[in-house]
Amino acid sequence: MAIEFVGMAPFILLIVAAVWECVLIGYAFSLAGNAADEAARAGAVKGDAECTAVADDHIGGAWGMQAVCDGSGDIYKATVRLKVPVLVPGLNTGLWVDGQGGAAKEKE
């Protein structure tokens, strides 16, 4: 039984790592979408500078965030891009996850 466990341990660890990577990818999608929604709401009221600042406040530095805010038209749009991590945030694959949000412009 001990020999079987030693033989299967690497496969079990590989499966655990693959599941954890899937969890991180899903979490990255959730973070990007939430940050984009919050940034769009702030941008609809206060403009581009506030949009970028709010997106930056919602995402930690290890995720390599890029925010693009667009105030043209009646809908204020924000797109937040995050780097997909490898096992821990900070070790990145080079793949990106995009989150998009929009809010109706508000006039003061």
N, C-alpha and C. Protein backbone atom coordinates (compact mmCIF):
# COMPACT_ATOMS: atom_id res chain seq x y z
N MET A 1 0.82 -1.18 0.00
CA MET A 1 0.00 0.00 0.00
C MET A 1 0.87 1.26 0.00
N ALA A 2 1.96 1.24 0.71
CA ALA A 2 2.85 2.40 0.76
C ALA A 2 3.45 2.66 -0.61
N ILE A 3 3.76 1.61 -1.34
CA ILE A 3 4.34 1.77 -2.68
C ILE A 3 3.32 2.38 -3.63
N GLU A 4 2.07 1.96 -3.51
CA GLU A 4 1.02 2.54 -4.34
C GLU A 4 0.83 4.02 -4.03
N PHE A 5 0.90 4.37 -2.74
CA PHE A 5 0.75 5.77 -2.36
C PHE A 5 1.89 6.61 -2.93
N VAL A 6 3.11 6.12 -2.83
CA VAL A 6 4.26 6.85 -3.37
C VAL A 6 4.14 7.00 -4.88
N GLY A 7 3.62 6.00 -5.55
CA GLY A 7 3.45 6.07 -7.00
C GLY A 7 2.34 7.02 -7.42
N MET A 8 1.29 7.12 -6.60
CA MET A 8 0.14 7.97 -6.95
C MET A 8 0.27 9.40 -6.43
N ALA A 9 1.14 9.65 -5.48
CA ALA A 9 1.28 10.98 -4.88
C ALA A 9 1.56 12.07 -5.91
N PRO A 10 2.47 11.88 -6.87
CA PRO A 10 2.68 12.94 -7.87
C PRO A 10 1.44 13.24 -8.70
N PHE A 11 0.66 12.22 -9.03
CA PHE A 11 -0.56 12.43 -9.80
C PHE A 11 -1.60 13.19 -8.99
N ILE A 12 -1.69 12.85 -7.71
CA ILE A 12 -2.63 13.55 -6.84
C ILE A 12 -2.23 15.01 -6.71
N LEU A 13 -0.95 15.28 -6.52
CA LEU A 13 -0.48 16.66 -6.42
C LEU A 13 -0.70 17.42 -7.73
N LEU A 14 -0.51 16.75 -8.85
CA LEU A 14 -0.75 17.39 -10.15
C LEU A 14 -2.23 17.74 -10.32
N ILE A 15 -3.11 16.88 -9.90
CA ILE A 15 -4.55 17.15 -10.00
C ILE A 15 -4.94 18.30 -9.07
N VAL A 16 -4.38 18.31 -7.87
CA VAL A 16 -4.66 19.41 -6.94
C VAL A 16 -4.17 20.74 -7.52
N ALA A 17 -2.99 20.75 -8.13
CA ALA A 17 -2.46 21.97 -8.74
C ALA A 17 -3.34 22.42 -9.91
N ALA A 18 -3.83 21.48 -10.72
CA ALA A 18 -4.69 21.83 -11.85
C ALA A 18 -6.02 22.41 -11.37
N VAL A 19 -6.59 21.84 -10.33
CA VAL A 19 -7.84 22.36 -9.78
C VAL A 19 -7.62 23.76 -9.19
N TRP A 20 -6.51 23.94 -8.49
CA TRP A 20 -6.20 25.25 -7.92
C TRP A 20 -6.02 26.29 -9.02
N GLU A 21 -5.39 25.93 -10.12
CA GLU A 21 -5.22 26.85 -11.24
C GLU A 21 -6.59 27.25 -11.81
N CYS A 22 -7.50 26.30 -11.91
CA CYS A 22 -8.85 26.62 -12.39
C CYS A 22 -9.56 27.57 -11.43
N VAL A 23 -9.36 27.38 -10.13
CA VAL A 23 -9.95 28.28 -9.14
C VAL A 23 -9.38 29.69 -9.31
N LEU A 24 -8.07 29.81 -9.52
CA LEU A 24 -7.46 31.13 -9.70
C LEU A 24 -7.95 31.81 -10.98
N ILE A 25 -8.15 31.05 -12.03
CA ILE A 25 -8.67 31.64 -13.27
C ILE A 25 -10.09 32.17 -13.04
N GLY A 26 -10.92 31.40 -12.37
CA GLY A 26 -12.27 31.86 -12.07
C GLY A 26 -12.27 33.07 -11.17
N TYR A 27 -11.38 33.09 -10.20
CA TYR A 27 -11.27 34.23 -9.29
C TYR A 27 -10.81 35.48 -10.04
N ALA A 28 -9.90 35.30 -11.01
CA ALA A 28 -9.44 36.42 -11.82
C ALA A 28 -10.60 37.01 -12.62
N PHE A 29 -11.46 36.16 -13.19
CA PHE A 29 -12.64 36.65 -13.91
C PHE A 29 -13.56 37.44 -12.97
N SER A 30 -13.75 36.92 -11.76
CA SER A 30 -14.61 37.59 -10.79
C SER A 30 -14.03 38.94 -10.37
N LEU A 31 -12.73 38.98 -10.08
CA LEU A 31 -12.08 40.24 -9.71
C LEU A 31 -12.15 41.27 -10.83
N ALA A 32 -11.87 40.84 -12.05
CA ALA A 32 -11.87 41.77 -13.19
C ALA A 32 -13.27 42.34 -13.43
N GLY A 33 -14.28 41.50 -13.36
CA GLY A 33 -15.65 41.97 -13.57
C GLY A 33 -16.11 42.93 -12.50
N ASN A 34 -15.80 42.61 -11.24
CA ASN A 34 -16.19 43.50 -10.14
C ASN A 34 -15.46 44.83 -10.24
N ALA A 35 -14.17 44.80 -10.49
CA ALA A 35 -13.41 46.05 -10.60
C ALA A 35 -13.91 46.90 -11.77
N ALA A 36 -14.26 46.27 -12.88
CA ALA A 36 -14.77 47.01 -14.04
C ALA A 36 -16.12 47.65 -13.72
N ASP A 37 -16.99 46.93 -13.02
CA ASP A 37 -18.28 47.51 -12.64
C ASP A 37 -18.11 48.71 -11.71
N GLU A 38 -17.27 48.56 -10.71
CA GLU A 38 -17.04 49.66 -9.77
C GLU A 38 -16.39 50.85 -10.46
N ALA A 39 -15.44 50.58 -11.34
CA ALA A 39 -14.77 51.66 -12.06
C ALA A 39 -15.74 52.39 -12.98
N ALA A 40 -16.62 51.66 -13.65
CA ALA A 40 -17.60 52.30 -14.54
C ALA A 40 -18.56 53.19 -13.75
N ARG A 41 -18.98 52.71 -12.58
CA ARG A 41 -19.86 53.53 -11.75
C ARG A 41 -19.18 54.83 -11.32
N ALA A 42 -17.93 54.70 -10.88
CA ALA A 42 -17.19 55.90 -10.46
C ALA A 42 -16.92 56.82 -11.63
N GLY A 43 -16.58 56.27 -12.78
CA GLY A 43 -16.30 57.08 -13.96
C GLY A 43 -17.52 57.79 -14.48
N ALA A 44 -18.69 57.17 -14.35
CA ALA A 44 -19.93 57.79 -14.83
C ALA A 44 -20.23 59.07 -14.05
N VAL A 45 -19.78 59.14 -12.81
CA VAL A 45 -20.04 60.30 -11.97
C VAL A 45 -18.89 61.31 -12.02
N LYS A 46 -17.63 60.81 -11.92
CA LYS A 46 -16.49 61.71 -11.72
C LYS A 46 -15.47 61.73 -12.84
N GLY A 47 -15.56 60.87 -13.84
CA GLY A 47 -14.65 60.93 -14.97
C GLY A 47 -13.56 59.88 -14.99
N ASP A 48 -12.67 60.00 -16.00
CA ASP A 48 -11.67 58.98 -16.27
C ASP A 48 -10.67 58.77 -15.14
N ALA A 49 -10.22 59.83 -14.52
CA ALA A 49 -9.21 59.69 -13.46
C ALA A 49 -9.75 58.88 -12.30
N GLU A 50 -10.98 59.13 -11.92
CA GLU A 50 -11.60 58.38 -10.82
C GLU A 50 -11.86 56.94 -11.23
N CYS A 51 -12.20 56.72 -12.49
CA CYS A 51 -12.43 55.37 -13.00
C CYS A 51 -11.18 54.51 -12.81
N THR A 52 -10.05 55.01 -13.25
CA THR A 52 -8.80 54.26 -13.13
C THR A 52 -8.40 54.08 -11.68
N ALA A 53 -8.59 55.09 -10.86
CA ALA A 53 -8.22 55.01 -9.45
C ALA A 53 -9.05 53.96 -8.71
N VAL A 54 -10.35 53.91 -8.98
CA VAL A 54 -11.22 52.93 -8.32
C VAL A 54 -10.87 51.51 -8.76
N ALA A 55 -10.59 51.32 -10.05
CA ALA A 55 -10.18 50.00 -10.52
C ALA A 55 -8.90 49.56 -9.83
N ASP A 56 -7.96 50.47 -9.68
CA ASP A 56 -6.69 50.17 -9.04
C ASP A 56 -6.88 49.84 -7.56
N ASP A 57 -7.84 50.50 -6.90
CA ASP A 57 -8.11 50.24 -5.49
C ASP A 57 -8.68 48.83 -5.26
N HIS A 58 -9.41 48.30 -6.24
CA HIS A 58 -10.06 47.00 -6.07
C HIS A 58 -9.15 45.81 -6.41
N ILE A 59 -8.02 46.07 -7.05
CA ILE A 59 -7.14 44.98 -7.48
C ILE A 59 -5.77 45.16 -6.85
N GLY A 60 -5.21 44.08 -6.32
CA GLY A 60 -3.86 44.13 -5.75
C GLY A 60 -2.82 44.23 -6.86
N GLY A 61 -1.63 44.67 -6.49
CA GLY A 61 -0.57 44.89 -7.47
C GLY A 61 -0.05 43.63 -8.14
N ALA A 62 -0.22 42.47 -7.52
CA ALA A 62 0.31 41.22 -8.07
C ALA A 62 -0.46 40.74 -9.29
N TRP A 63 -1.63 41.29 -9.54
CA TRP A 63 -2.45 40.82 -10.66
C TRP A 63 -2.11 41.52 -11.97
N GLY A 64 -1.25 42.51 -11.99
CA GLY A 64 -0.85 43.18 -13.23
C GLY A 64 -2.01 43.83 -13.95
N MET A 65 -2.79 44.62 -13.23
CA MET A 65 -4.02 45.19 -13.77
C MET A 65 -3.76 46.30 -14.79
N GLN A 66 -4.59 46.32 -15.82
CA GLN A 66 -4.65 47.42 -16.78
C GLN A 66 -6.11 47.83 -16.90
N ALA A 67 -6.39 49.11 -16.77
CA ALA A 67 -7.76 49.61 -16.86
C ALA A 67 -7.88 50.56 -18.04
N VAL A 68 -8.95 50.41 -18.80
CA VAL A 68 -9.26 51.30 -19.92
C VAL A 68 -10.66 51.84 -19.68
N CYS A 69 -10.77 53.17 -19.61
CA CYS A 69 -12.05 53.82 -19.35
C CYS A 69 -12.47 54.61 -20.59
N ASP A 70 -13.75 54.52 -20.94
CA ASP A 70 -14.26 55.18 -22.14
C ASP A 70 -15.55 55.90 -21.78
N GLY A 71 -15.52 57.22 -21.86
CA GLY A 71 -16.68 58.01 -21.49
C GLY A 71 -17.50 58.52 -22.66
N SER A 72 -17.29 57.99 -23.85
CA SER A 72 -18.05 58.48 -25.00
C SER A 72 -19.45 57.87 -25.01
N GLY A 73 -20.42 58.65 -25.43
CA GLY A 73 -21.79 58.17 -25.49
C GLY A 73 -22.50 58.34 -24.15
N ASP A 74 -23.68 57.72 -24.04
CA ASP A 74 -24.48 57.83 -22.82
C ASP A 74 -24.09 56.79 -21.77
N ILE A 75 -23.37 55.77 -22.20
CA ILE A 75 -22.93 54.70 -21.28
C ILE A 75 -21.44 54.85 -21.05
N TYR A 76 -21.06 54.91 -19.80
CA TYR A 76 -19.63 54.96 -19.45
C TYR A 76 -19.15 53.53 -19.31
N LYS A 77 -18.10 53.18 -20.07
CA LYS A 77 -17.62 51.81 -20.10
C LYS A 77 -16.23 51.72 -19.50
N ALA A 78 -15.97 50.62 -18.80
CA ALA A 78 -14.65 50.35 -18.24
C ALA A 78 -14.28 48.90 -18.54
N THR A 79 -13.03 48.69 -18.92
CA THR A 79 -12.50 47.36 -19.16
C THR A 79 -11.27 47.18 -18.27
N VAL A 80 -11.26 46.10 -17.52
CA VAL A 80 -10.14 45.80 -16.63
C VAL A 80 -9.52 44.49 -17.10
N ARG A 81 -8.20 44.51 -17.31
CA ARG A 81 -7.46 43.31 -17.73
C ARG A 81 -6.55 42.87 -16.59
N LEU A 82 -6.55 41.57 -16.32
CA LEU A 82 -5.69 40.99 -15.29
C LEU A 82 -4.86 39.87 -15.89
N LYS A 83 -3.63 39.73 -15.41
CA LYS A 83 -2.80 38.61 -15.82
C LYS A 83 -3.24 37.36 -15.07
N VAL A 84 -3.34 36.25 -15.77
CA VAL A 84 -3.72 34.99 -15.15
C VAL A 84 -2.52 34.44 -14.38
N PRO A 85 -2.67 34.18 -13.08
CA PRO A 85 -1.53 33.69 -12.29
C PRO A 85 -1.30 32.20 -12.45
N VAL A 86 -0.06 31.79 -12.12
CA VAL A 86 0.30 30.38 -12.07
C VAL A 86 0.47 30.01 -10.60
N LEU A 87 -0.49 29.31 -10.05
CA LEU A 87 -0.53 28.83 -8.68
C LEU A 87 -0.60 29.93 -7.61
N VAL A 88 0.10 31.02 -7.75
CA VAL A 88 -0.01 32.14 -6.81
C VAL A 88 0.01 33.45 -7.60
N PRO A 89 -0.73 34.47 -7.16
CA PRO A 89 -0.66 35.76 -7.84
C PRO A 89 0.77 36.31 -7.80
N GLY A 90 1.22 36.81 -8.90
CA GLY A 90 2.58 37.31 -9.03
C GLY A 90 3.40 36.49 -10.01
N LEU A 91 3.12 35.19 -10.10
CA LEU A 91 3.73 34.33 -11.11
C LEU A 91 2.73 34.23 -12.25
N ASN A 92 2.99 34.90 -13.35
CA ASN A 92 1.98 35.04 -14.40
C ASN A 92 2.30 34.19 -15.62
N THR A 93 1.23 33.76 -16.30
CA THR A 93 1.34 32.92 -17.49
C THR A 93 1.52 33.72 -18.76
N GLY A 94 1.17 34.98 -18.75
CA GLY A 94 1.18 35.79 -19.97
C GLY A 94 -0.20 35.84 -20.60
N LEU A 95 -1.15 35.08 -20.06
CA LEU A 95 -2.53 35.14 -20.53
C LEU A 95 -3.27 36.22 -19.76
N TRP A 96 -4.28 36.80 -20.39
CA TRP A 96 -5.03 37.89 -19.78
C TRP A 96 -6.50 37.51 -19.63
N VAL A 97 -7.13 38.05 -18.61
CA VAL A 97 -8.56 37.91 -18.37
C VAL A 97 -9.15 39.31 -18.43
N ASP A 98 -10.23 39.48 -19.16
CA ASP A 98 -10.87 40.79 -19.30
C ASP A 98 -12.20 40.81 -18.56
N GLY A 99 -12.46 41.92 -17.89
CA GLY A 99 -13.74 42.17 -17.28
C GLY A 99 -14.27 43.49 -17.80
N GLN A 100 -15.54 43.54 -18.13
CA GLN A 100 -16.12 44.76 -18.69
C GLN A 100 -17.30 45.19 -17.85
N GLY A 101 -17.44 46.50 -17.70
CA GLY A 101 -18.56 47.05 -16.95
C GLY A 101 -19.05 48.32 -17.61
N GLY A 102 -20.26 48.67 -17.33
CA GLY A 102 -20.83 49.89 -17.87
C GLY A 102 -21.83 50.50 -16.92
N ALA A 103 -21.98 51.80 -17.00
CA ALA A 103 -22.94 52.51 -16.17
C ALA A 103 -23.44 53.72 -16.95
N ALA A 104 -24.71 54.06 -16.72
CA ALA A 104 -25.28 55.24 -17.36
C ALA A 104 -24.62 56.49 -16.79
N LYS A 105 -24.30 57.45 -17.65
CA LYS A 105 -23.67 58.69 -17.20
C LYS A 105 -24.65 59.48 -16.35
N GLU A 106 -24.11 60.05 -15.29
CA GLU A 106 -24.92 60.87 -14.41
C GLU A 106 -24.47 62.31 -14.50
N LYS A 107 -25.40 63.20 -14.57
CA LYS A 107 -25.09 64.62 -14.64
C LYS A 107 -25.31 65.23 -13.28
N GLU A 108 -24.36 66.06 -12.87
CA GLU A 108 -24.47 66.69 -11.54
C GLU A 108 -25.32 67.93 -11.60
